[in-house]
Amino acid sequence: MRVLIAEDQLLLRDGLTRMLTAYGLDVVAVVDDGAHLTDALISVRPDVAVIDVRLPPTFTDEGLRAAIAARRAVAGLPVLILSQFVDAIRQVAAGGTVMDPEVVALLLRRRDILSALTPRERDVLRLMAEGRSNAAIAAHMVITEKAVSNHINALFAKLGLPPSSSDHRRVLAVLAYLDQ
């Protein structure tokens, strides 16, 4: 599996490279700032990209913004916002979604955005952001998969995410909160 790493701290970048290589992954590109990340993602087209949210020059959300821009240019580009779990990398590369629980907590604190969502829709979004499937969400919330699907469709509508063959609405629903 071909991996691109975007991390500004040399020790962490080197550690990630070594760890992923030890798990049999091929690190094909390493970027240390947001300015070069979008171009690298588009030109390298890795199987998965492991990206730090905060990159130079402002250390705010350059990694996330670059990932969003690259996903607009390359539909379905698998991106993992920095996680320490190699299994998460494999899950993202296989089309799944995984987000750090701290990022999810930050999203859920943004009440202004979530005010349009019902409490059930917020719960579903939180579990989606944790990388859970509809079946896992249904089991966790003790509701049917059909109910989960209805909640997801409602939150997509409230977030202005129409059906699309080229966009992954589950990812966009979570990223919409971070892109404000």
Protein backbone atom coordinates (compact mmCIF):
# COMPACT_ATOMS: atom_id res chain seq x y z
CA MET A 1 0.00 0.00 0.00
CA ARG A 2 1.39 3.40 -1.07
CA VAL A 3 1.24 6.06 1.67
CA LEU A 4 1.84 9.81 1.64
CA ILE A 5 2.69 11.44 4.99
CA ALA A 6 2.16 15.13 5.76
CA GLU A 7 3.72 16.08 9.11
CA ASP A 8 5.82 19.10 10.03
CA GLN A 9 7.64 17.68 13.06
CA LEU A 10 10.75 15.80 11.95
CA LEU A 11 10.73 13.22 14.76
CA LEU A 12 7.05 12.39 14.32
CA ARG A 13 7.40 12.31 10.52
CA ASP A 14 10.37 9.94 10.78
CA GLY A 15 8.61 7.83 13.40
CA LEU A 16 5.50 7.51 11.24
CA THR A 17 7.59 6.55 8.24
CA ARG A 18 9.42 3.86 10.23
CA MET A 19 6.26 2.53 11.85
CA LEU A 20 4.32 2.31 8.59
CA THR A 21 7.26 0.70 6.83
CA ALA A 22 7.52 -1.84 9.66
CA TYR A 23 3.87 -2.73 9.05
CA GLY A 24 4.62 -3.42 5.40
CA LEU A 25 3.39 -0.14 3.94
CA ASP A 26 5.34 1.79 1.28
CA VAL A 27 5.84 5.47 2.16
CA VAL A 28 6.04 7.07 -1.31
CA ALA A 29 6.03 10.76 -0.37
CA VAL A 30 6.61 12.96 2.68
CA VAL A 31 5.51 16.59 2.91
CA ASP A 32 6.19 18.98 5.78
CA ASP A 33 3.91 21.93 5.01
CA GLY A 34 0.47 22.75 3.71
CA ALA A 35 1.75 24.70 0.72
CA HIS A 36 3.00 21.56 -1.05
CA LEU A 37 0.46 19.05 0.22
CA THR A 38 -2.36 19.50 -2.31
CA ASP A 39 0.02 19.20 -5.27
CA ALA A 40 1.69 16.13 -3.75
CA LEU A 41 -1.66 14.42 -3.14
CA ILE A 42 -2.79 15.06 -6.71
CA SER A 43 0.49 14.09 -8.38
CA VAL A 44 1.39 11.07 -6.21
CA ARG A 45 -2.19 9.76 -5.78
CA PRO A 46 -1.35 7.52 -2.83
CA ASP A 47 -3.50 4.62 -1.71
CA VAL A 48 -3.90 6.57 1.54
CA ALA A 49 -2.61 9.87 2.89
CA VAL A 50 -1.81 10.35 6.60
CA ILE A 51 -2.12 14.07 7.24
CA ASP A 52 -1.52 16.30 10.23
CA VAL A 53 -4.33 18.86 10.47
CA ARG A 54 -1.99 21.66 11.60
CA LEU A 55 0.83 22.36 9.16
CA PRO A 56 3.00 25.40 8.40
CA PRO A 57 2.74 28.22 7.69
CA THR A 58 -0.11 29.09 10.12
CA PHE A 59 -0.41 25.78 12.00
CA THR A 60 -4.20 25.97 11.97
CA ASP A 61 -5.93 23.77 9.42
CA GLU A 62 -3.66 23.65 6.36
CA GLY A 63 -3.59 19.85 6.31
CA LEU A 64 -7.34 19.63 6.34
CA ARG A 65 -7.79 22.35 3.70
CA ALA A 66 -5.23 20.67 1.43
CA ALA A 67 -7.01 17.32 1.84
CA ILE A 68 -10.36 18.90 0.94
CA ALA A 69 -8.87 20.59 -2.14
CA ALA A 70 -7.18 17.36 -3.27
CA ARG A 71 -10.41 15.36 -2.79
CA ARG A 72 -12.20 17.85 -5.02
CA ALA A 73 -9.57 17.24 -7.72
CA VAL A 74 -9.27 13.47 -7.17
CA ALA A 75 -12.63 11.95 -6.28
CA GLY A 76 -12.41 9.32 -3.57
CA LEU A 77 -8.82 10.13 -2.56
CA PRO A 78 -8.34 8.24 0.72
CA VAL A 79 -7.25 10.61 3.49
CA LEU A 80 -6.60 9.90 7.15
CA ILE A 81 -6.31 12.92 9.39
CA LEU A 82 -3.38 11.88 11.56
CA SER A 83 -4.08 8.76 13.59
CA GLN A 84 -1.72 6.50 15.49
CA PHE A 85 -3.54 3.32 14.49
CA VAL A 86 -2.29 1.40 11.42
CA ASP A 87 -5.63 -0.44 11.23
CA ALA A 88 -7.26 2.96 10.72
CA ILE A 89 -5.01 3.51 7.69
CA ARG A 90 -6.13 0.22 6.19
CA GLN A 91 -9.80 1.06 6.92
CA VAL A 92 -9.53 4.44 5.16
CA ALA A 93 -7.73 2.91 2.18
CA ALA A 94 -10.57 0.39 1.89
CA GLY A 95 -13.10 3.22 1.64
CA GLY A 96 -13.97 3.60 5.32
CA THR A 97 -13.93 6.73 7.44
CA VAL A 98 -11.97 7.23 10.66
CA MET A 99 -11.51 10.36 12.71
CA ASP A 100 -9.67 11.00 15.92
CA PRO A 101 -12.10 11.12 18.89
CA GLU A 102 -10.69 14.53 19.91
CA VAL A 103 -11.56 15.90 16.48
CA VAL A 104 -15.03 14.43 16.79
CA ALA A 105 -15.41 16.06 20.22
CA LEU A 106 -14.36 19.40 18.70
CA LEU A 107 -16.96 18.98 15.98
CA LEU A 108 -19.67 18.27 18.48
CA ARG A 109 -18.81 21.41 20.47
CA ARG A 110 -19.58 23.56 17.45
CA ARG A 111 -23.22 24.07 18.39
CA ASP A 112 -23.88 26.76 15.81
CA ILE A 113 -23.43 24.26 12.98
CA LEU A 114 -25.14 21.43 14.79
CA SER A 115 -28.17 23.48 15.75
CA ALA A 116 -29.99 22.39 12.59
CA LEU A 117 -29.48 18.71 13.48
CA THR A 118 -31.67 16.77 15.88
CA PRO A 119 -29.98 15.10 18.86
CA ARG A 120 -30.32 11.71 17.09
CA GLU A 121 -28.72 13.11 13.92
CA ARG A 122 -25.84 14.51 15.99
CA ASP A 123 -25.36 11.10 17.61
CA VAL A 124 -25.38 9.40 14.20
CA LEU A 125 -22.86 11.95 12.85
CA ARG A 126 -20.59 11.39 15.86
CA LEU A 127 -20.63 7.64 15.31
CA MET A 128 -20.09 8.09 11.56
CA ALA A 129 -17.06 10.24 12.36
CA GLU A 130 -15.70 7.43 14.51
CA GLY A 131 -15.71 5.26 11.39
CA ARG A 132 -18.71 3.09 12.24
CA SER A 133 -20.85 1.44 9.57
CA ASN A 134 -24.62 1.86 9.50
CA ALA A 135 -24.98 -1.58 11.10
CA ALA A 136 -22.57 -0.65 13.90
CA ILE A 137 -24.35 2.66 14.46
CA ALA A 138 -27.71 0.87 14.61
CA ALA A 139 -26.38 -1.65 17.14
CA HIS A 140 -24.80 1.08 19.28
CA MET A 141 -27.93 3.24 19.29
CA VAL A 142 -30.31 0.25 19.50
CA ILE A 143 -32.25 1.31 16.40
CA THR A 144 -32.74 -0.23 12.97
CA GLU A 145 -30.35 0.27 10.07
CA LYS A 146 -33.26 1.87 8.21
CA ALA A 147 -33.58 4.45 11.00
CA VAL A 148 -29.84 5.13 10.78
CA SER A 149 -30.13 5.56 7.02
CA ASN A 150 -33.03 8.00 7.50
CA HIS A 151 -31.03 10.04 10.04
CA ILE A 152 -28.02 10.13 7.70
CA ASN A 153 -30.13 11.26 4.75
CA ALA A 154 -31.72 13.97 6.89
CA LEU A 155 -28.37 15.29 8.10
CA PHE A 156 -26.98 15.23 4.55
CA ALA A 157 -29.95 17.35 3.46
CA LYS A 158 -29.49 19.78 6.36
CA LEU A 159 -25.77 20.10 5.56
CA GLY A 160 -26.47 20.67 1.87
CA LEU A 161 -24.81 17.45 0.66
CA PRO A 162 -26.83 16.14 -2.30
CA PRO A 163 -26.28 12.63 -3.70
CA SER A 164 -23.15 12.41 -5.85
CA SER A 165 -21.34 9.62 -7.65
CA SER A 166 -17.96 11.30 -7.13
CA ASP A 167 -18.13 12.54 -3.52
CA HIS A 168 -18.16 10.58 -0.27
CA ARG A 169 -20.91 12.37 1.66
CA ARG A 170 -20.05 10.69 4.96
CA VAL A 171 -16.58 12.24 4.85
CA LEU A 172 -17.89 15.58 3.60
CA ALA A 173 -20.43 15.74 6.43
CA VAL A 174 -17.63 15.52 8.99
CA LEU A 175 -15.24 17.76 7.04
CA ALA A 176 -17.91 20.44 6.66
CA TYR A 177 -17.64 21.11 10.38
CA LEU A 178 -13.89 21.53 10.23
CA ASP A 179 -13.96 23.77 7.16
CA GLN A 180 -15.71 26.67 8.87
